[in-house]
């Protein structure tokens, strides 16, 4: 992020909450974990649609 982009971001009223959210999100990541495909959830979705 450039200095200009950083300054623009900090003008957002909720930027501190956004940064905090990002930090919490990063703490929840498991290094090397493979993310399931969207298709792998299809059968589960169907259980709730019916």
N, C-alpha and C. Protein backbone atom coordinates (compact mmCIF):
# COMPACT_ATOMS: atom_id res chain seq x y z
N UNK A 1 0.86 -1.17 0.00
CA UNK A 1 0.00 0.00 0.00
C UNK A 1 0.91 1.23 0.00
N UNK A 2 0.62 2.12 -0.88
CA UNK A 2 1.41 3.36 -0.94
C UNK A 2 1.04 4.28 0.22
N UNK A 3 1.86 5.30 0.43
CA UNK A 3 1.55 6.28 1.48
C UNK A 3 0.20 6.94 1.23
N UNK A 4 -0.06 7.27 -0.04
CA UNK A 4 -1.34 7.89 -0.40
C UNK A 4 -2.50 6.97 -0.09
N UNK A 5 -2.36 5.69 -0.47
CA UNK A 5 -3.42 4.71 -0.20
C UNK A 5 -3.62 4.52 1.30
N UNK A 6 -2.53 4.51 2.06
CA UNK A 6 -2.62 4.38 3.50
C UNK A 6 -3.36 5.55 4.13
N UNK A 7 -3.05 6.75 3.65
CA UNK A 7 -3.73 7.94 4.17
C UNK A 7 -5.21 7.91 3.83
N UNK A 8 -5.55 7.46 2.62
CA UNK A 8 -6.96 7.33 2.23
C UNK A 8 -7.67 6.32 3.12
N UNK A 9 -7.02 5.20 3.36
CA UNK A 9 -7.60 4.14 4.19
C UNK A 9 -7.87 4.66 5.60
N UNK A 10 -6.93 5.42 6.15
CA UNK A 10 -7.08 5.94 7.51
C UNK A 10 -8.16 7.02 7.61
N UNK A 11 -8.62 7.54 6.50
CA UNK A 11 -9.72 8.51 6.52
C UNK A 11 -11.06 7.82 6.76
N UNK A 12 -11.11 6.50 6.56
CA UNK A 12 -12.34 5.74 6.80
C UNK A 12 -12.61 5.72 8.31
N UNK A 13 -13.82 6.01 8.69
CA UNK A 13 -14.20 6.08 10.10
C UNK A 13 -13.92 4.78 10.85
N UNK A 14 -14.01 3.65 10.16
CA UNK A 14 -13.88 2.35 10.82
C UNK A 14 -12.57 1.63 10.48
N UNK A 15 -11.55 2.38 10.07
CA UNK A 15 -10.32 1.71 9.63
C UNK A 15 -9.65 0.94 10.76
N UNK A 16 -9.70 1.43 11.99
CA UNK A 16 -9.06 0.71 13.10
C UNK A 16 -9.75 -0.64 13.34
N UNK A 17 -11.06 -0.67 13.24
CA UNK A 17 -11.79 -1.93 13.37
C UNK A 17 -11.43 -2.88 12.24
N UNK A 18 -11.24 -2.34 11.05
CA UNK A 18 -10.86 -3.16 9.91
C UNK A 18 -9.49 -3.80 10.10
N UNK A 19 -8.56 -3.03 10.63
CA UNK A 19 -7.22 -3.55 10.89
C UNK A 19 -7.28 -4.62 11.98
N UNK A 20 -8.04 -4.37 13.03
CA UNK A 20 -8.19 -5.36 14.10
C UNK A 20 -8.82 -6.64 13.58
N UNK A 21 -9.85 -6.52 12.74
CA UNK A 21 -10.50 -7.68 12.16
C UNK A 21 -9.50 -8.49 11.34
N UNK A 22 -8.69 -7.81 10.55
CA UNK A 22 -7.69 -8.48 9.72
C UNK A 22 -6.68 -9.25 10.58
N UNK A 23 -6.28 -8.66 11.69
CA UNK A 23 -5.33 -9.35 12.59
C UNK A 23 -5.96 -10.62 13.17
N UNK A 24 -7.20 -10.53 13.60
CA UNK A 24 -7.88 -11.71 14.12
C UNK A 24 -8.04 -12.78 13.04
N UNK A 25 -8.36 -12.34 11.83
CA UNK A 25 -8.51 -13.27 10.71
C UNK A 25 -7.19 -13.98 10.44
N UNK A 26 -6.10 -13.25 10.45
CA UNK A 26 -4.79 -13.84 10.21
C UNK A 26 -4.40 -14.84 11.30
N UNK A 27 -4.80 -14.57 12.55
CA UNK A 27 -4.48 -15.49 13.65
C UNK A 27 -5.22 -16.81 13.51
N UNK A 28 -6.35 -16.81 12.80
CA UNK A 28 -7.15 -18.02 12.65
C UNK A 28 -6.73 -18.90 11.49
N UNK A 29 -5.74 -18.47 10.75
CA UNK A 29 -5.29 -19.24 9.58
C UNK A 29 -4.32 -20.33 10.00
N UNK A 30 -4.43 -21.47 9.36
CA UNK A 30 -3.52 -22.58 9.61
C UNK A 30 -2.56 -22.67 8.43
N UNK A 31 -1.29 -22.49 8.71
CA UNK A 31 -0.28 -22.52 7.65
C UNK A 31 -0.27 -23.87 6.94
N UNK A 32 -0.32 -23.82 5.62
CA UNK A 32 -0.27 -25.04 4.83
C UNK A 32 -1.59 -25.75 4.66
N UNK A 33 -2.64 -25.28 5.32
CA UNK A 33 -3.95 -25.93 5.22
C UNK A 33 -4.55 -25.68 3.84
N UNK A 34 -5.03 -26.74 3.21
CA UNK A 34 -5.66 -26.60 1.90
C UNK A 34 -7.12 -26.20 2.09
N UNK A 35 -7.55 -25.18 1.37
CA UNK A 35 -8.92 -24.71 1.45
C UNK A 35 -9.81 -25.58 0.58
N UNK A 36 -10.92 -26.09 1.15
CA UNK A 36 -11.83 -26.90 0.35
C UNK A 36 -12.44 -26.08 -0.80
N UNK A 37 -12.79 -26.75 -1.86
CA UNK A 37 -13.43 -26.07 -2.99
C UNK A 37 -14.88 -25.74 -2.64
N UNK A 38 -15.43 -24.81 -3.35
CA UNK A 38 -16.83 -24.45 -3.15
C UNK A 38 -17.73 -25.65 -3.44
N UNK A 39 -17.37 -26.41 -4.45
CA UNK A 39 -18.16 -27.59 -4.83
C UNK A 39 -18.22 -28.63 -3.71
N UNK A 40 -17.21 -28.68 -2.87
CA UNK A 40 -17.19 -29.67 -1.80
C UNK A 40 -18.29 -29.42 -0.75
N UNK A 41 -18.87 -28.24 -0.75
CA UNK A 41 -19.93 -27.90 0.20
C UNK A 41 -21.33 -28.06 -0.39
N UNK A 42 -21.42 -28.44 -1.65
CA UNK A 42 -22.70 -28.50 -2.35
C UNK A 42 -23.70 -29.41 -1.65
N UNK A 43 -23.29 -30.62 -1.27
CA UNK A 43 -24.23 -31.55 -0.63
C UNK A 43 -24.72 -31.01 0.72
N UNK A 44 -23.86 -30.31 1.43
CA UNK A 44 -24.25 -29.71 2.71
C UNK A 44 -25.27 -28.60 2.48
N UNK A 45 -25.07 -27.79 1.49
CA UNK A 45 -26.01 -26.72 1.16
C UNK A 45 -27.38 -27.30 0.83
N UNK A 46 -27.39 -28.39 0.08
CA UNK A 46 -28.66 -29.00 -0.28
C UNK A 46 -29.46 -29.46 0.93
N UNK A 47 -28.78 -29.86 1.99
CA UNK A 47 -29.48 -30.27 3.22
C UNK A 47 -30.29 -29.12 3.82
N UNK A 48 -29.80 -27.91 3.68
CA UNK A 48 -30.46 -26.75 4.27
C UNK A 48 -31.47 -26.11 3.34
N UNK A 49 -31.39 -26.39 2.06
CA UNK A 49 -32.29 -25.80 1.10
C UNK A 49 -33.63 -26.52 1.06
N UNK A 50 -33.57 -27.79 1.30
CA UNK A 50 -34.79 -28.58 1.20
C UNK A 50 -35.74 -28.36 2.33
